[in-house]
Amino acid sequence: MVKNKRSFFAVILAFVMMLTLVACGTSNNNNSKSARKSETEFTGKAIVVYYYGSGNTKRVADFVADELKAETFEIVPVDSYSDDDLNWRDRSSRVNKEHDDTSLQDIELV
């Protein structure tokens, strides 16, 4: 008799825990959907400003601009960057020199 009561209460407890998990999971899912909706509702004007060397940043900027229904603006330096200039692994590359020396960071734009 005691064994049957324990089994019965174990089944009831498992059922209650399962319902609690399902209810919590559903609640969190609804909250995240409403949070995403409010994050993407933008009522002001926006512009996505970007510089890219290899094309990856342009793709991301275009994606963000599409999501925000914003315009894009590409930053173009007068002296364009070569692949060697953009090689951040080379300590003597242009980007590393500009990073390390603040006097080189004022880049003239087109």
C-alpha atoms as a PDB file:
ATOM      1  CA  MET A   1       0.000   0.000   0.000  1.00  0.00           C
ATOM      2  CA  VAL A   2       2.815   2.432   0.894  1.00  0.00           C
ATOM      3  CA  LYS A   3       4.626   1.495  -2.325  1.00  0.00           C
ATOM      4  CA  ASN A   4       1.501   2.285  -4.371  1.00  0.00           C
ATOM      5  CA  LYS A   5       1.136   5.698  -2.672  1.00  0.00           C
ATOM      6  CA  ARG A   6       4.759   6.530  -3.399  1.00  0.00           C
ATOM      7  CA  SER A   7       4.366   5.517  -7.035  1.00  0.00           C
ATOM      8  CA  PHE A   8       1.166   7.537  -7.317  1.00  0.00           C
ATOM      9  CA  PHE A   9       2.777  10.657  -5.814  1.00  0.00           C
ATOM     10  CA  ALA A  10       5.884  10.194  -7.977  1.00  0.00           C
ATOM     11  CA  VAL A  11       3.711  10.120 -11.107  1.00  0.00           C
ATOM     12  CA  ILE A  12       1.729  13.172  -9.955  1.00  0.00           C
ATOM     13  CA  LEU A  13       4.942  15.043  -9.095  1.00  0.00           C
ATOM     14  CA  ALA A  14       6.446  14.211 -12.499  1.00  0.00           C
ATOM     15  CA  PHE A  15       3.260  15.391 -14.224  1.00  0.00           C
ATOM     16  CA  VAL A  16       3.228  18.688 -12.286  1.00  0.00           C
ATOM     17  CA  MET A  17       6.919  19.265 -13.068  1.00  0.00           C
ATOM     18  CA  MET A  18       6.289  18.591 -16.752  1.00  0.00           C
ATOM     19  CA  LEU A  19       3.391  21.079 -16.821  1.00  0.00           C
ATOM     20  CA  THR A  20       5.542  23.674 -15.058  1.00  0.00           C
ATOM     21  CA  LEU A  21       8.355  23.272 -17.583  1.00  0.00           C
ATOM     22  CA  VAL A  22       5.958  23.506 -20.519  1.00  0.00           C
ATOM     23  CA  ALA A  23       4.316  26.622 -19.075  1.00  0.00           C
ATOM     24  CA  CYS A  24       7.667  28.309 -18.409  1.00  0.00           C
ATOM     25  CA  GLY A  25       8.963  27.436 -21.860  1.00  0.00           C
ATOM     26  CA  THR A  26       5.876  28.889 -23.527  1.00  0.00           C
ATOM     27  CA  SER A  27       6.060  32.050 -21.433  1.00  0.00           C
ATOM     28  CA  ASN A  28       9.724  32.690 -22.308  1.00  0.00           C
ATOM     29  CA  ASN A  29       9.080  32.091 -25.985  1.00  0.00           C
ATOM     30  CA  ASN A  30       6.301  34.690 -26.077  1.00  0.00           C
ATOM     31  CA  ASN A  31       8.434  37.226 -24.225  1.00  0.00           C
ATOM     32  CA  SER A  32      11.347  36.831 -26.620  1.00  0.00           C
ATOM     33  CA  LYS A  33       9.056  37.247 -29.638  1.00  0.00           C
ATOM     34  CA  SER A  34       7.620  40.470 -28.255  1.00  0.00           C
ATOM     35  CA  ALA A  35      11.113  41.687 -27.333  1.00  0.00           C
ATOM     36  CA  ARG A  36      12.335  41.046 -30.872  1.00  0.00           C
ATOM     37  CA  LYS A  37       9.309  42.815 -32.307  1.00  0.00           C
ATOM     38  CA  SER A  38       9.887  45.930 -30.211  1.00  0.00           C
ATOM     39  CA  GLU A  39      13.601  45.934 -31.054  1.00  0.00           C
ATOM     40  CA  THR A  40      12.905  45.970 -34.797  1.00  0.00           C
ATOM     41  CA  GLU A  41      10.201  48.641 -34.670  1.00  0.00           C
ATOM     42  CA  PHE A  42      12.097  51.799 -35.531  1.00  0.00           C
ATOM     43  CA  THR A  43      10.274  55.066 -36.011  1.00  0.00           C
ATOM     44  CA  GLY A  44      13.157  57.496 -36.550  1.00  0.00           C
ATOM     45  CA  LYS A  45      15.579  57.959 -39.407  1.00  0.00           C
ATOM     46  CA  ALA A  46      18.716  55.846 -39.579  1.00  0.00           C
ATOM     47  CA  ILE A  47      21.766  55.472 -41.731  1.00  0.00           C
ATOM     48  CA  VAL A  48      24.215  52.593 -41.709  1.00  0.00           C
ATOM     49  CA  VAL A  49      27.750  53.918 -42.173  1.00  0.00           C
ATOM     50  CA  TYR A  50      30.460  51.391 -42.975  1.00  0.00           C
ATOM     51  CA  TYR A  51      33.943  50.849 -44.345  1.00  0.00           C
ATOM     52  CA  TYR A  52      34.948  47.557 -45.850  1.00  0.00           C
ATOM     53  CA  GLY A  53      38.095  46.061 -47.233  1.00  0.00           C
ATOM     54  CA  SER A  54      37.038  42.567 -48.218  1.00  0.00           C
ATOM     55  CA  GLY A  55      33.286  42.815 -48.794  1.00  0.00           C
ATOM     56  CA  ASN A  56      32.058  41.084 -45.635  1.00  0.00           C
ATOM     57  CA  THR A  57      31.224  44.319 -43.846  1.00  0.00           C
ATOM     58  CA  LYS A  58      29.266  45.590 -46.855  1.00  0.00           C
ATOM     59  CA  ARG A  59      27.062  42.485 -46.822  1.00  0.00           C
ATOM     60  CA  VAL A  60      26.359  42.925 -43.102  1.00  0.00           C
ATOM     61  CA  ALA A  61      25.717  46.664 -43.527  1.00  0.00           C
ATOM     62  CA  ASP A  62      23.268  45.963 -46.365  1.00  0.00           C
ATOM     63  CA  PHE A  63      21.476  43.387 -44.214  1.00  0.00           C
ATOM     64  CA  VAL A  64      21.201  45.789 -41.260  1.00  0.00           C
ATOM     65  CA  ALA A  65      20.022  48.598 -43.536  1.00  0.00           C
ATOM     66  CA  ASP A  66      17.333  46.352 -45.032  1.00  0.00           C
ATOM     67  CA  GLU A  67      16.118  45.397 -41.555  1.00  0.00           C
ATOM     68  CA  LEU A  68      16.000  49.042 -40.421  1.00  0.00           C
ATOM     69  CA  LYS A  69      14.741  50.337 -43.770  1.00  0.00           C
ATOM     70  CA  ALA A  70      17.717  52.676 -43.651  1.00  0.00           C
ATOM     71  CA  GLU A  71      20.118  54.087 -46.183  1.00  0.00           C
ATOM     72  CA  THR A  72      23.770  53.085 -46.349  1.00  0.00           C
ATOM     73  CA  PHE A  73      26.857  55.245 -46.649  1.00  0.00           C
ATOM     74  CA  GLU A  74      30.258  53.811 -47.498  1.00  0.00           C
ATOM     75  CA  ILE A  75      33.354  55.467 -46.034  1.00  0.00           C
ATOM     76  CA  VAL A  76      35.958  55.687 -48.805  1.00  0.00           C
ATOM     77  CA  PRO A  77      39.510  56.825 -47.991  1.00  0.00           C
ATOM     78  CA  VAL A  78      41.420  58.909 -50.552  1.00  0.00           C
ATOM     79  CA  ASP A  79      44.339  56.473 -50.323  1.00  0.00           C
ATOM     80  CA  SER A  80      42.671  53.084 -50.656  1.00  0.00           C
ATOM     81  CA  TYR A  81      43.864  50.143 -48.580  1.00  0.00           C
ATOM     82  CA  SER A  82      45.554  47.189 -50.264  1.00  0.00           C
ATOM     83  CA  ASP A  83      45.347  43.631 -48.949  1.00  0.00           C
ATOM     84  CA  ASP A  84      48.814  44.115 -47.455  1.00  0.00           C
ATOM     85  CA  ASP A  85      47.643  47.309 -45.726  1.00  0.00           C
ATOM     86  CA  LEU A  86      44.743  45.403 -44.156  1.00  0.00           C
ATOM     87  CA  ASN A  87      46.851  42.463 -42.949  1.00  0.00           C
ATOM     88  CA  TRP A  88      46.473  42.912 -39.186  1.00  0.00           C
ATOM     89  CA  ARG A  89      48.793  39.954 -38.537  1.00  0.00           C
ATOM     90  CA  ASP A  90      51.707  41.918 -40.013  1.00  0.00           C
ATOM     91  CA  ARG A  91      52.931  44.322 -37.318  1.00  0.00           C
ATOM     92  CA  SER A  92      54.297  46.679 -40.007  1.00  0.00           C
ATOM     93  CA  SER A  93      51.018  46.881 -41.961  1.00  0.00           C
ATOM     94  CA  ARG A  94      49.203  50.171 -42.434  1.00  0.00           C
ATOM     95  CA  VAL A  95      46.293  49.257 -40.146  1.00  0.00           C
ATOM     96  CA  ASN A  96      48.639  48.288 -37.315  1.00  0.00           C
ATOM     97  CA  LYS A  97      50.630  51.491 -37.694  1.00  0.00           C
ATOM     98  CA  GLU A  98      47.425  53.553 -37.655  1.00  0.00           C
ATOM     99  CA  HIS A  99      46.183  51.642 -34.638  1.00  0.00           C
ATOM    100  CA  ASP A 100      49.383  52.177 -32.682  1.00  0.00           C
ATOM    101  CA  ASP A 101      50.035  55.810 -33.686  1.00  0.00           C
ATOM    102  CA  THR A 102      47.056  58.119 -33.131  1.00  0.00           C
ATOM    103  CA  SER A 103      48.598  60.806 -35.348  1.00  0.00           C
ATOM    104  CA  LEU A 104      48.044  58.480 -38.338  1.00  0.00           C
ATOM    105  CA  GLN A 105      44.351  57.921 -37.587  1.00  0.00           C
ATOM    106  CA  ASP A 106      43.019  61.089 -39.226  1.00  0.00           C
ATOM    107  CA  ILE A 107      42.323  59.570 -42.659  1.00  0.00           C
ATOM    108  CA  GLU A 108      41.261  61.828 -45.520  1.00  0.00           C
ATOM    109  CA  LEU A 109      38.048  60.641 -47.153  1.00  0.00           C
ATOM    110  CA  VAL A 110      36.735  60.984 -50.698  1.00  0.00           C
END
